[in-house]
Protein backbone atom coordinates (compact mmCIF):
# COMPACT_ATOMS: atom_id res chain seq x y z
CA MET A 1 20.70 -13.34 -12.36
CA LYS A 2 17.18 -13.67 -13.76
CA LYS A 3 15.81 -14.27 -10.26
CA LEU A 4 17.55 -11.17 -8.95
CA LEU A 5 16.16 -9.11 -11.81
CA ALA A 6 12.67 -10.47 -11.12
CA VAL A 7 13.01 -9.59 -7.44
CA ILE A 8 14.10 -6.06 -8.28
CA VAL A 9 11.16 -5.62 -10.65
CA ILE A 10 8.72 -6.91 -8.03
CA ALA A 11 10.20 -4.73 -5.30
CA SER A 12 10.04 -1.70 -7.58
CA SER A 13 6.40 -2.37 -8.41
CA PHE A 14 5.56 -2.48 -4.69
CA LEU A 15 7.29 0.83 -4.15
CA MET A 16 5.44 2.38 -7.07
CA SER A 17 2.08 1.06 -5.87
CA ALA A 18 2.73 2.49 -2.41
CA GLN A 19 3.58 5.83 -3.97
CA ALA A 20 0.41 5.70 -6.06
CA LEU A 21 -1.64 5.27 -2.91
CA HIS A 22 -0.20 8.57 -1.67
CA ALA A 23 -0.43 10.31 -5.03
CA GLU A 24 -3.46 12.52 -4.55
CA ASN A 25 -2.18 15.53 -2.64
CA ASP A 26 0.14 13.26 -0.65
CA THR A 27 -2.77 11.94 1.39
CA PRO A 28 -2.76 8.68 3.31
CA PRO A 29 -4.37 5.64 1.62
CA HIS A 30 -7.40 5.54 3.91
CA HIS A 31 -8.26 9.12 2.90
CA ASN A 32 -8.09 8.11 -0.76
CA ALA A 33 -10.43 5.21 0.05
CA GLU A 34 -12.84 7.62 1.73
CA ARG A 35 -12.66 9.92 -1.28
CA MET A 36 -13.27 6.96 -3.59
CA LEU A 37 -16.26 5.90 -1.52
CA ASP A 38 -17.64 9.45 -1.62
CA ARG A 39 -17.33 9.54 -5.42
CA MET A 40 -18.95 6.11 -5.68
CA ALA A 41 -21.78 7.22 -3.41
CA GLU A 42 -22.36 10.32 -5.50
CA ARG A 43 -22.24 8.54 -8.86
CA LEU A 44 -24.40 5.61 -7.77
CA ASN A 45 -26.62 7.51 -5.36
CA LEU A 46 -25.80 5.08 -2.53
CA THR A 47 -27.81 5.03 0.66
CA GLU A 48 -26.05 5.47 4.01
CA ASP A 49 -26.51 1.75 4.66
CA GLN A 50 -24.85 0.89 1.34
CA LYS A 51 -22.00 3.31 2.06
CA ASN A 52 -21.44 1.76 5.48
CA ASN A 53 -21.40 -1.78 4.07
CA ILE A 54 -19.04 -0.84 1.24
CA SER A 55 -16.79 0.98 3.70
CA VAL A 56 -16.39 -2.23 5.72
CA ILE A 57 -15.48 -4.13 2.56
CA LYS A 58 -12.89 -1.52 1.56
CA LYS A 59 -11.31 -1.56 5.04
CA GLU A 60 -10.99 -5.34 4.78
CA GLU A 61 -9.46 -4.93 1.34
CA PHE A 62 -6.81 -2.49 2.59
CA ALA A 63 -5.97 -4.83 5.50
CA LYS A 64 -5.54 -7.75 3.10
CA ILE A 65 -3.38 -5.67 0.77
CA ARG A 66 -1.19 -4.59 3.68
CA ALA A 67 -0.81 -8.22 4.83
CA LEU A 68 0.01 -9.37 1.28
CA ARG A 69 2.67 -6.68 0.94
CA GLU A 70 4.31 -7.79 4.17
CA GLU A 71 4.17 -11.44 3.11
CA ASN A 72 5.70 -10.63 -0.27
CA ARG A 73 8.35 -8.45 1.34
CA THR A 74 9.40 -11.41 3.48
CA ARG A 75 9.51 -13.65 0.43
CA ILE A 76 11.55 -11.09 -1.52
CA GLU A 77 14.01 -10.73 1.34
CA GLY A 78 14.67 -14.46 1.02
CA TYR A 79 16.38 -13.76 -2.33
CA LEU A 80 18.42 -10.77 -1.17
CA THR A 81 21.90 -10.59 0.29
CA GLU A 82 22.33 -9.06 3.73
CA GLU A 83 23.60 -5.85 2.15
CA GLN A 84 20.55 -5.64 -0.13
CA LYS A 85 18.22 -6.28 2.81
CA GLN A 86 19.86 -3.47 4.76
CA LYS A 87 19.45 -1.08 1.83
CA MET A 88 15.82 -2.06 1.40
CA ASN A 89 15.12 -1.70 5.13
CA SER A 90 16.86 1.67 5.37
CA ARG A 91 14.74 2.87 2.44
CA LYS A 92 11.60 1.63 4.17
CA LYS A 93 12.58 3.36 7.42
CA SER A 94 13.20 6.67 5.66
CA CYS A 95 9.80 6.39 3.94
CA ASN A 96 8.11 5.57 7.24
CA LYS A 97 9.64 8.62 8.92
CA SER A 98 8.19 10.92 6.27
CA ASP A 99 4.82 9.15 6.50
CA ARG A 100 4.83 8.98 10.30
CA HIS A 101 1.73 11.17 10.66
CA TYR A 102 -0.24 8.67 8.55
CA LYS A 103 0.23 5.79 10.97
CA HIS A 104 -2.78 4.93 13.12
């Protein structure tokens, strides 16, 4: 029971973090990263070269985060029943349909 509760808490935190990435005006995560980089550039007076280098780092970061989420999702599914997996996957599919225009 404790494991199931832990899995539910972890799964919920992933859903909340994904929603947080879309929080600002329901924009895709890479737009938020661009906005963040623009604010950083303004506050720190970054050169174009610095902005370009930081942009590469942030793109790598988002790719790693995406890969980690998928890895953790697979691990979480290992603790779920088939019915729970179906519910989780149907939720993911419905979210993906609404975010379809964000996919690149």
